[in-house]
Amino acid sequence: MIEVNLIPDVKQEFIRAQRTRNTVISFSIMASIAAGVAIVIFALLLGGQGVREILADNSIKDDYATLKKNENLSNLVTIQNQLAQVSTLNNDKGINSRLFDILGGINPKDPNHVRISTVSLNPTDNSLSIEGSAANSFTATDAFKKTILNTKVVYTDRDGKEQTINLTDSVTLNNASYGTDTTGAKVLQFKLSFVYPKELFANTSTNVRIVSPTKVTDVTDSRTRVPDDLFSSSPKTGDTK
């Protein structure tokens, strides 16, 4: 008769089961510890964030209370806002004093010289209107118009580069009629208008020069004295014959 002893096999299975159980328990304990540590860290982060928010709110409230006690707060804020815009306003400021030298630079020489009575400058739409009279009639006004159309503006931009642009691309001449000037001489009255480039009067444009077919005029600082014969009183209106 053959006998088999099964006790050692059962015991080995039991030992393996215990090892597996111990391993699972160990991993469970480690996972629980890791989860606990993560929860603690998360709680500390949330708590720290809450504390920082409370401190920031308290700081804002304290600063606001301090500012509120200042009776001149509104004036200080207004002045600060104005100071912040000084640079922008300065860049946008136009140097309108250049106008007189520009008029002298575009006026043709005799016998087509014109006498200007009224000048209207509109920075909103960059338009310039000139009213005047010409002793040489339509020949002078035509020369005046062509001089303007062939005039260039040379300037240095804010980057230090020299630029050249047209004074205008279109000139409108209207309201032409004959009249008499202060001496009784017959002259042609006219109104001329055109749109100029914004760089012409811009504060950021330096070394500005007006280059016409007959002359070059430096208008950067309006250094040229206004000629005595540039302006005249409005002539008396007569018939258009």
Protein backbone atom coordinates (compact mmCIF):
# COMPACT_ATOMS: atom_id res chain seq x y z
CA MET A 1 0.00 0.00 0.00
CA ILE A 2 1.24 3.50 -0.95
CA GLU A 3 0.74 6.48 1.41
CA VAL A 4 1.14 10.17 0.38
CA ASN A 5 1.90 12.82 2.96
CA LEU A 6 -0.05 15.99 1.93
CA ILE A 7 0.78 18.05 4.96
CA PRO A 8 3.95 19.64 3.51
CA ASP A 9 2.05 20.82 0.37
CA VAL A 10 -0.76 22.34 2.41
CA LYS A 11 1.73 24.04 4.62
CA GLN A 12 3.56 25.51 1.63
CA GLU A 13 0.32 26.87 0.17
CA PHE A 14 -0.51 28.39 3.53
CA ILE A 15 2.90 30.06 3.70
CA ARG A 16 2.52 31.48 0.18
CA ALA A 17 -0.93 32.80 1.05
CA GLN A 18 0.47 34.50 4.15
CA ARG A 19 3.22 36.11 2.09
CA THR A 20 0.74 37.38 -0.48
CA ARG A 21 -1.49 38.75 2.28
CA ASN A 22 1.44 40.46 3.97
CA THR A 23 2.53 41.99 0.66
CA VAL A 24 -0.98 43.33 -0.04
CA ILE A 25 -1.24 44.71 3.49
CA SER A 26 2.16 46.40 3.15
CA PHE A 27 1.20 48.05 -0.14
CA SER A 28 -2.13 49.13 1.32
CA ILE A 29 -0.42 50.70 4.31
CA MET A 30 2.06 52.54 2.04
CA ALA A 31 -0.75 53.75 -0.22
CA SER A 32 -2.71 54.95 2.81
CA ILE A 33 0.32 56.81 4.13
CA ALA A 34 0.95 58.43 0.71
CA ALA A 35 -2.70 59.45 0.43
CA GLY A 36 -2.59 60.88 3.92
CA VAL A 37 0.54 62.88 3.13
CA ALA A 38 -1.06 64.18 -0.09
CA ILE A 39 -4.18 65.22 1.82
CA VAL A 40 -2.09 67.02 4.42
CA ILE A 41 -0.07 68.86 1.73
CA PHE A 42 -3.26 69.82 -0.13
CA ALA A 43 -4.81 71.07 3.08
CA LEU A 44 -1.71 73.13 3.85
CA LEU A 45 -1.78 74.65 0.36
CA LEU A 46 -5.44 75.56 0.67
CA GLY A 47 -4.88 76.93 4.12
CA GLY A 48 -1.89 78.97 2.98
CA GLN A 49 -3.83 80.36 0.02
CA GLY A 50 -6.66 81.35 2.31
CA VAL A 51 -4.26 83.03 4.70
CA ARG A 52 -2.61 84.96 1.84
CA GLU A 53 -5.99 86.13 0.57
CA ILE A 54 -6.98 87.30 4.03
CA LEU A 55 -3.69 89.17 4.44
CA ALA A 56 -4.04 90.76 0.99
CA ASP A 57 -7.63 91.83 1.71
CA ASN A 58 -6.59 93.32 5.03
CA SER A 59 -3.70 95.16 3.36
CA ILE A 60 -6.03 96.59 0.70
CA LYS A 61 -8.52 97.68 3.34
CA ASP A 62 -5.80 99.31 5.42
CA ASP A 63 -4.35 101.15 2.42
CA TYR A 64 -7.81 102.26 1.29
CA ALA A 65 -8.58 103.54 4.77
CA THR A 66 -5.30 105.49 4.76
CA LEU A 67 -6.03 107.01 1.34
CA LYS A 68 -9.60 107.82 2.31
CA LYS A 69 -8.30 109.97 5.17
CA ASN A 70 -6.44 112.15 2.65
CA GLU A 71 -8.69 115.11 1.82
CA ASN A 72 -6.80 115.83 -1.43
CA LEU A 73 -7.09 112.28 -2.78
CA SER A 74 -9.26 113.21 -5.78
CA ASN A 75 -6.86 115.98 -6.76
CA LEU A 76 -3.86 113.68 -6.44
CA VAL A 77 -5.47 111.02 -8.64
CA THR A 78 -6.44 113.63 -11.24
CA ILE A 79 -2.92 115.04 -11.35
CA GLN A 80 -1.43 111.55 -11.62
CA ASN A 81 -3.68 110.73 -14.59
CA GLN A 82 -2.76 114.00 -16.27
CA LEU A 83 0.95 113.40 -15.75
CA ALA A 84 0.61 109.92 -17.25
CA GLN A 85 -0.81 111.49 -20.44
CA VAL A 86 1.75 114.29 -20.77
CA SER A 87 4.01 112.25 -23.05
CA THR A 88 1.12 111.26 -25.32
CA LEU A 89 -0.20 114.81 -25.49
CA ASN A 90 3.27 116.13 -26.27
CA ASN A 91 3.70 113.67 -29.15
CA ASP A 92 0.27 114.58 -30.54
CA LYS A 93 0.89 118.31 -30.25
CA GLY A 94 1.19 120.10 -33.58
CA ILE A 95 3.77 122.81 -34.24
CA ASN A 96 1.49 125.26 -36.04
CA SER A 97 4.15 127.98 -36.12
CA ARG A 98 5.62 126.19 -39.15
CA LEU A 99 2.68 127.45 -41.17
CA PHE A 100 4.13 130.90 -41.89
CA ASP A 101 7.36 129.53 -43.33
CA ILE A 102 5.39 126.97 -45.35
CA LEU A 103 3.33 129.75 -46.94
CA GLY A 104 6.51 131.58 -47.86
CA GLY A 105 8.03 128.41 -49.27
CA ILE A 106 5.16 127.63 -51.65
CA ASN A 107 4.53 131.18 -52.89
CA PRO A 108 5.76 131.63 -56.47
CA LYS A 109 8.21 134.37 -57.33
CA ASP A 110 7.28 137.50 -59.28
CA PRO A 111 5.46 138.03 -61.53
CA ASN A 112 3.29 135.19 -60.18
CA HIS A 113 3.63 136.11 -56.51
CA VAL A 114 0.30 136.02 -54.65
CA ARG A 115 -0.77 138.06 -51.64
CA ILE A 116 -2.53 136.06 -48.92
CA SER A 117 -5.39 137.59 -46.93
CA THR A 118 -6.81 134.63 -44.95
CA VAL A 119 -5.42 131.24 -43.91
CA SER A 120 -7.51 128.50 -42.24
CA LEU A 121 -5.76 125.48 -40.73
CA ASN A 122 -7.91 122.53 -39.62
CA PRO A 123 -5.89 119.88 -37.75
CA THR A 124 -8.96 117.64 -37.48
CA ASP A 125 -8.99 116.73 -41.17
CA ASN A 126 -5.49 118.07 -42.01
CA SER A 127 -6.87 120.67 -44.40
CA LEU A 128 -5.41 124.06 -45.27
CA SER A 129 -7.40 126.83 -46.98
CA ILE A 130 -5.80 129.96 -48.40
CA GLU A 131 -7.62 133.07 -49.59
CA GLY A 132 -5.67 135.69 -51.47
CA SER A 133 -5.25 137.76 -54.58
CA ALA A 134 -2.96 137.71 -57.60
CA ALA A 135 -2.03 140.65 -59.79
CA ASN A 136 -1.05 138.33 -62.63
CA SER A 137 -4.56 136.84 -62.71
CA PHE A 138 -5.07 133.16 -63.55
CA THR A 139 -1.46 132.73 -64.63
CA ALA A 140 -0.36 133.41 -61.05
CA THR A 141 -3.01 131.20 -59.44
CA ASP A 142 -2.13 128.37 -61.83
CA ALA A 143 1.55 128.78 -60.95
CA PHE A 144 0.64 128.81 -57.24
CA LYS A 145 -1.37 125.60 -57.63
CA LYS A 146 1.39 123.82 -59.58
CA THR A 147 4.02 124.94 -57.08
CA ILE A 148 2.05 123.36 -54.24
CA LEU A 149 1.55 120.12 -56.20
CA ASN A 150 5.28 119.87 -56.89
CA THR A 151 6.43 120.69 -53.36
CA LYS A 152 8.00 118.02 -51.15
CA VAL A 153 8.22 117.76 -47.36
CA VAL A 154 11.56 116.40 -46.12
CA TYR A 155 11.82 115.53 -42.43
CA THR A 156 13.49 113.23 -39.91
CA ASP A 157 11.13 110.77 -38.21
CA ARG A 158 11.26 109.57 -34.61
CA ASP A 159 13.60 106.72 -35.63
CA GLY A 160 16.14 109.20 -36.98
CA LYS A 161 15.46 108.32 -40.64
CA GLU A 162 15.00 111.00 -43.28
CA GLN A 163 11.68 110.80 -45.12
CA THR A 164 10.37 112.61 -48.21
CA ILE A 165 6.64 112.96 -48.92
CA ASN A 166 4.40 115.13 -51.10
CA LEU A 167 2.96 118.28 -49.57
CA THR A 168 -0.33 117.22 -51.14
CA ASP A 169 -1.70 115.18 -54.01
CA SER A 170 -4.62 117.44 -54.91
CA VAL A 171 -5.33 121.18 -54.87
CA THR A 172 -8.79 122.73 -55.22
CA LEU A 173 -9.08 126.27 -56.62
CA ASN A 174 -12.45 127.99 -56.48
CA ASN A 175 -14.27 131.28 -55.82
CA ALA A 176 -12.12 133.05 -58.39
CA SER A 177 -13.33 136.57 -59.13
CA TYR A 178 -11.87 139.94 -60.02
CA GLY A 179 -11.62 142.81 -57.59
CA THR A 180 -9.36 145.70 -56.66
CA ASP A 181 -6.63 145.86 -54.04
CA THR A 182 -5.90 148.73 -51.63
CA THR A 183 -4.12 150.65 -54.38
CA GLY A 184 -7.05 150.34 -56.75
CA ALA A 185 -5.28 147.85 -59.03
CA LYS A 186 -7.30 145.04 -60.56
CA VAL A 187 -6.50 141.63 -59.03
CA LEU A 188 -7.89 138.10 -59.13
CA GLN A 189 -9.33 136.96 -55.82
CA PHE A 190 -9.28 133.24 -55.13
CA LYS A 191 -9.64 130.52 -52.52
CA LEU A 192 -7.34 127.50 -52.62
CA SER A 193 -7.44 124.42 -50.39
CA PHE A 194 -5.65 121.11 -50.02
CA VAL A 195 -5.03 118.28 -47.54
CA TYR A 196 -1.54 118.18 -46.05
CA PRO A 197 0.30 115.18 -44.49
CA LYS A 198 0.06 114.92 -40.70
CA GLU A 199 3.86 114.77 -40.49
CA LEU A 200 4.06 118.39 -41.64
CA PHE A 201 3.14 119.84 -38.24
CA ALA A 202 3.87 116.78 -36.08
CA ASN A 203 5.98 117.32 -32.98
CA THR A 204 7.82 114.07 -33.73
CA SER A 205 9.00 115.37 -37.12
CA THR A 206 12.35 117.17 -36.91
CA ASN A 207 14.60 118.94 -39.41
CA VAL A 208 11.52 119.72 -41.50
CA ARG A 209 12.21 121.31 -44.89
CA ILE A 210 9.83 122.48 -47.59
CA VAL A 211 11.35 121.77 -51.00
CA SER A 212 9.44 123.64 -53.72
CA PRO A 213 10.43 123.94 -57.40
CA THR A 214 11.97 127.35 -56.67
CA LYS A 215 13.35 127.21 -53.10
CA VAL A 216 14.16 125.15 -50.00
CA THR A 217 12.75 126.46 -46.71
CA ASP A 218 13.77 125.17 -43.27
CA VAL A 219 10.61 125.28 -41.15
CA THR A 220 11.74 123.23 -38.15
CA ASP A 221 11.84 126.16 -35.76
CA SER A 222 10.12 128.74 -37.97
CA ARG A 223 13.43 130.51 -38.37
CA THR A 224 12.48 132.41 -41.50
CA ARG A 225 10.93 135.79 -40.82
CA VAL A 226 7.46 136.19 -42.30
CA PRO A 227 7.85 138.38 -45.41
CA ASP A 228 6.06 141.71 -45.29
CA ASP A 229 4.49 141.15 -48.70
CA LEU A 230 3.12 137.68 -47.88
CA PHE A 231 -0.12 138.93 -46.34
CA SER A 232 -2.44 141.67 -47.46
CA SER A 233 -5.88 142.98 -46.66
CA SER A 234 -8.76 141.46 -48.58
CA PRO A 235 -9.26 143.24 -51.92
CA LYS A 236 -12.58 144.78 -52.80
CA THR A 237 -14.84 142.58 -54.87
CA GLY A 238 -15.63 143.77 -58.33
CA ASP A 239 -17.22 142.27 -61.42
CA THR A 240 -15.87 139.03 -62.89
CA LYS A 241 -15.39 140.37 -66.39
